N, C-alpha and C. Protein backbone atom coordinates (compact mmCIF):
# COMPACT_ATOMS: atom_id res chain seq x y z
N MET A 1 0.85 -1.17 0.00
CA MET A 1 0.00 0.00 0.00
C MET A 1 0.89 1.24 0.00
N LYS A 2 0.57 2.19 -0.82
CA LYS A 2 1.33 3.45 -0.91
C LYS A 2 0.62 4.53 -0.10
N TYR A 3 1.40 5.36 0.54
CA TYR A 3 0.86 6.45 1.33
C TYR A 3 1.43 7.76 0.80
N ASP A 4 0.62 8.79 0.77
CA ASP A 4 1.11 10.07 0.26
C ASP A 4 1.92 10.79 1.33
N TYR A 5 2.61 11.83 0.89
CA TYR A 5 3.52 12.57 1.76
C TYR A 5 2.80 13.16 2.97
N GLY A 6 1.62 13.74 2.76
CA GLY A 6 0.87 14.34 3.86
C GLY A 6 0.50 13.33 4.94
N PHE A 7 0.11 12.14 4.51
CA PHE A 7 -0.24 11.09 5.45
C PHE A 7 0.98 10.67 6.27
N LYS A 8 2.11 10.47 5.59
CA LYS A 8 3.34 10.09 6.29
C LYS A 8 3.76 11.17 7.28
N LEU A 9 3.67 12.42 6.85
CA LEU A 9 4.04 13.54 7.70
C LEU A 9 3.17 13.57 8.96
N ASN A 10 1.87 13.37 8.79
CA ASN A 10 0.94 13.34 9.91
C ASN A 10 1.29 12.20 10.87
N CYS A 11 1.58 11.02 10.33
CA CYS A 11 1.93 9.87 11.17
C CYS A 11 3.21 10.13 11.97
N VAL A 12 4.20 10.73 11.33
CA VAL A 12 5.47 11.03 12.00
C VAL A 12 5.25 12.05 13.12
N GLU A 13 4.47 13.09 12.85
CA GLU A 13 4.21 14.11 13.87
C GLU A 13 3.46 13.51 15.06
N LEU A 14 2.46 12.67 14.79
CA LEU A 14 1.73 12.03 15.89
C LEU A 14 2.67 11.15 16.71
N TYR A 15 3.52 10.39 16.05
CA TYR A 15 4.46 9.51 16.74
C TYR A 15 5.39 10.31 17.65
N LYS A 16 5.89 11.43 17.14
CA LYS A 16 6.80 12.25 17.94
C LYS A 16 6.10 12.91 19.12
N ASN A 17 4.76 13.01 19.05
CA ASN A 17 3.97 13.54 20.16
C ASN A 17 3.47 12.43 21.08
N GLY A 18 3.94 11.20 20.86
CA GLY A 18 3.60 10.09 21.73
C GLY A 18 2.28 9.41 21.41
N ARG A 19 1.77 9.62 20.20
CA ARG A 19 0.49 9.00 19.82
C ARG A 19 0.69 8.24 18.51
N TRP A 20 -0.27 7.35 18.22
CA TRP A 20 -0.25 6.58 16.98
C TRP A 20 -1.41 6.99 16.10
N HIS A 21 -1.19 6.99 14.81
CA HIS A 21 -2.27 7.20 13.84
C HIS A 21 -3.13 5.94 13.82
N GLU A 22 -4.41 6.10 13.57
CA GLU A 22 -5.30 4.95 13.49
C GLU A 22 -4.85 4.05 12.34
N THR A 23 -4.85 2.74 12.59
CA THR A 23 -4.41 1.78 11.58
C THR A 23 -5.43 1.69 10.45
N PRO A 24 -4.99 1.87 9.19
CA PRO A 24 -5.91 1.79 8.06
C PRO A 24 -6.39 0.36 7.82
N GLU A 25 -7.46 0.24 7.05
CA GLU A 25 -7.98 -1.06 6.66
C GLU A 25 -6.96 -1.78 5.78
N GLY A 26 -6.88 -3.09 5.92
CA GLY A 26 -6.05 -3.88 5.03
C GLY A 26 -4.61 -4.08 5.47
N ILE A 27 -4.24 -3.58 6.65
CA ILE A 27 -2.88 -3.78 7.17
C ILE A 27 -2.99 -4.01 8.67
N GLY A 28 -2.16 -4.90 9.17
CA GLY A 28 -2.16 -5.18 10.60
C GLY A 28 -1.54 -4.04 11.39
N GLN A 29 -1.97 -3.92 12.64
CA GLN A 29 -1.48 -2.82 13.48
C GLN A 29 0.03 -2.90 13.68
N LYS A 30 0.55 -4.10 13.91
CA LYS A 30 1.98 -4.27 14.14
C LYS A 30 2.79 -3.82 12.91
N ASN A 31 2.37 -4.25 11.73
CA ASN A 31 3.07 -3.87 10.50
C ASN A 31 2.97 -2.38 10.23
N PHE A 32 1.81 -1.79 10.48
CA PHE A 32 1.63 -0.36 10.24
C PHE A 32 2.51 0.45 11.19
N ARG A 33 2.55 0.07 12.45
CA ARG A 33 3.38 0.81 13.41
C ARG A 33 4.86 0.66 13.10
N LYS A 34 5.25 -0.50 12.60
CA LYS A 34 6.65 -0.68 12.19
C LYS A 34 6.97 0.24 11.02
N ARG A 35 6.02 0.39 10.11
CA ARG A 35 6.21 1.28 8.96
C ARG A 35 6.37 2.73 9.43
N ILE A 36 5.57 3.13 10.42
CA ILE A 36 5.66 4.50 10.95
C ILE A 36 7.04 4.73 11.58
N THR A 37 7.52 3.77 12.36
CA THR A 37 8.84 3.95 12.97
C THR A 37 9.93 4.02 11.91
N THR A 38 9.75 3.31 10.80
CA THR A 38 10.70 3.41 9.69
C THR A 38 10.67 4.80 9.09
N TRP A 39 9.47 5.36 8.91
CA TRP A 39 9.34 6.73 8.38
C TRP A 39 10.02 7.73 9.31
N VAL A 40 9.87 7.53 10.63
CA VAL A 40 10.49 8.43 11.60
C VAL A 40 12.01 8.38 11.47
N LYS A 41 12.56 7.17 11.35
CA LYS A 41 14.01 7.03 11.20
C LYS A 41 14.50 7.68 9.92
N ILE A 42 13.76 7.50 8.83
CA ILE A 42 14.13 8.12 7.55
C ILE A 42 14.11 9.64 7.68
N ALA A 43 13.06 10.17 8.31
CA ALA A 43 12.94 11.62 8.48
C ALA A 43 14.06 12.17 9.35
N ASP A 44 14.43 11.44 10.41
CA ASP A 44 15.51 11.89 11.29
C ASP A 44 16.87 11.83 10.58
N LEU A 45 17.07 10.81 9.77
CA LEU A 45 18.36 10.61 9.12
C LEU A 45 18.55 11.51 7.90
N HIS A 46 17.50 11.64 7.07
CA HIS A 46 17.63 12.35 5.80
C HIS A 46 16.79 13.62 5.70
N GLY A 47 16.02 13.93 6.71
CA GLY A 47 15.14 15.09 6.64
C GLY A 47 13.73 14.69 6.23
N ILE A 48 12.77 15.52 6.56
CA ILE A 48 11.36 15.20 6.34
C ILE A 48 11.02 15.08 4.86
N ASP A 49 11.76 15.77 4.00
CA ASP A 49 11.48 15.70 2.56
C ASP A 49 11.81 14.33 1.97
N ALA A 50 12.58 13.53 2.69
CA ALA A 50 12.91 12.18 2.20
C ALA A 50 11.68 11.27 2.17
N LEU A 51 10.61 11.68 2.84
CA LEU A 51 9.38 10.88 2.82
C LEU A 51 8.57 11.09 1.55
N LYS A 52 8.94 12.10 0.77
CA LYS A 52 8.23 12.34 -0.49
C LYS A 52 8.58 11.26 -1.50
N HIS A 53 7.64 10.99 -2.40
CA HIS A 53 7.90 10.02 -3.46
C HIS A 53 8.90 10.64 -4.44
N PRO A 54 9.86 9.86 -4.89
CA PRO A 54 10.85 10.40 -5.84
C PRO A 54 10.19 10.72 -7.18
N THR A 55 10.63 11.80 -7.78
CA THR A 55 10.08 12.18 -9.07
C THR A 55 10.90 11.60 -10.22
N THR A 56 12.14 11.27 -9.95
CA THR A 56 12.99 10.66 -10.97
C THR A 56 13.81 9.55 -10.34
N CYS A 57 14.26 8.64 -11.15
CA CYS A 57 15.13 7.57 -10.68
C CYS A 57 16.56 8.09 -10.64
N THR A 58 17.29 7.66 -9.65
CA THR A 58 18.68 8.06 -9.53
C THR A 58 19.52 7.23 -10.49
N GLU A 59 20.36 7.88 -11.23
CA GLU A 59 21.26 7.21 -12.16
C GLU A 59 22.62 7.05 -11.47
N TYR A 60 23.10 5.82 -11.40
CA TYR A 60 24.40 5.54 -10.80
C TYR A 60 25.39 5.13 -11.89
N THR A 61 26.63 5.52 -11.71
CA THR A 61 27.68 5.10 -12.65
C THR A 61 28.01 3.63 -12.38
N VAL A 62 28.74 3.03 -13.29
CA VAL A 62 29.14 1.64 -13.13
C VAL A 62 29.98 1.47 -11.86
N GLU A 63 30.84 2.43 -11.60
CA GLU A 63 31.70 2.36 -10.41
C GLU A 63 30.88 2.43 -9.12
N GLU A 64 29.87 3.30 -9.10
CA GLU A 64 29.02 3.42 -7.91
C GLU A 64 28.23 2.14 -7.69
N ARG A 65 27.70 1.55 -8.75
CA ARG A 65 26.96 0.30 -8.62
C ARG A 65 27.87 -0.82 -8.13
N TYR A 66 29.07 -0.88 -8.68
CA TYR A 66 30.03 -1.89 -8.25
C TYR A 66 30.35 -1.74 -6.76
N ALA A 67 30.54 -0.51 -6.32
CA ALA A 67 30.86 -0.26 -4.91
C ALA A 67 29.72 -0.72 -4.00
N LEU A 68 28.48 -0.48 -4.41
CA LEU A 68 27.34 -0.91 -3.61
C LEU A 68 27.24 -2.43 -3.55
N VAL A 69 27.44 -3.09 -4.69
CA VAL A 69 27.40 -4.55 -4.72
C VAL A 69 28.52 -5.13 -3.86
N ALA A 70 29.68 -4.54 -3.92
CA ALA A 70 30.82 -5.00 -3.12
C ALA A 70 30.51 -4.90 -1.63
N ARG A 71 29.84 -3.83 -1.22
CA ARG A 71 29.49 -3.68 0.20
C ARG A 71 28.51 -4.75 0.64
N VAL A 72 27.55 -5.08 -0.22
CA VAL A 72 26.58 -6.14 0.12
C VAL A 72 27.28 -7.48 0.19
N LEU A 73 28.15 -7.76 -0.76
CA LEU A 73 28.89 -9.03 -0.75
C LEU A 73 29.83 -9.13 0.45
N ALA A 74 30.26 -7.99 0.97
CA ALA A 74 31.13 -7.98 2.15
C ALA A 74 30.35 -8.21 3.44
N GLY A 75 29.00 -8.25 3.35
CA GLY A 75 28.20 -8.56 4.53
C GLY A 75 27.29 -7.46 5.01
N GLU A 76 27.39 -6.28 4.43
CA GLU A 76 26.51 -5.18 4.84
C GLU A 76 25.12 -5.40 4.24
N SER A 77 24.09 -5.10 5.00
CA SER A 77 22.73 -5.34 4.50
C SER A 77 22.38 -4.36 3.38
N GLN A 78 21.48 -4.78 2.51
CA GLN A 78 21.04 -3.92 1.41
C GLN A 78 20.40 -2.65 1.94
N LYS A 79 19.64 -2.79 3.02
CA LYS A 79 18.96 -1.63 3.59
C LYS A 79 19.96 -0.58 4.07
N LYS A 80 21.01 -1.02 4.75
CA LYS A 80 22.03 -0.07 5.22
C LYS A 80 22.75 0.59 4.06
N CYS A 81 23.02 -0.18 3.02
CA CYS A 81 23.68 0.39 1.84
C CYS A 81 22.81 1.46 1.20
N CYS A 82 21.53 1.21 1.12
CA CYS A 82 20.61 2.17 0.50
C CYS A 82 20.49 3.44 1.35
N ASN A 83 20.48 3.31 2.66
CA ASN A 83 20.33 4.47 3.53
C ASN A 83 21.55 5.38 3.47
N LYS A 84 22.69 4.85 3.11
CA LYS A 84 23.91 5.66 3.06
C LYS A 84 24.11 6.34 1.72
N CYS A 85 23.29 6.03 0.74
CA CYS A 85 23.45 6.62 -0.61
C CYS A 85 23.07 8.07 -0.61
């Protein structure tokens, strides 16, 4: 399920105020709350604008792609590699 920027922003603000957004239909409460905490971490790490949907795909050079693959093969998780880009 995709959520728009305003919805994510609202969920993050509620979380930071010690409250949870009501769980939408079609997703379990545990999974939805985990998604909110992920949004909070993304916003803290990269800024609130990182929650917006990308308008273009990022183009990586061959060297950059090789470096990312090498990090994954060395044991670093894909998620950590993506967060550092």
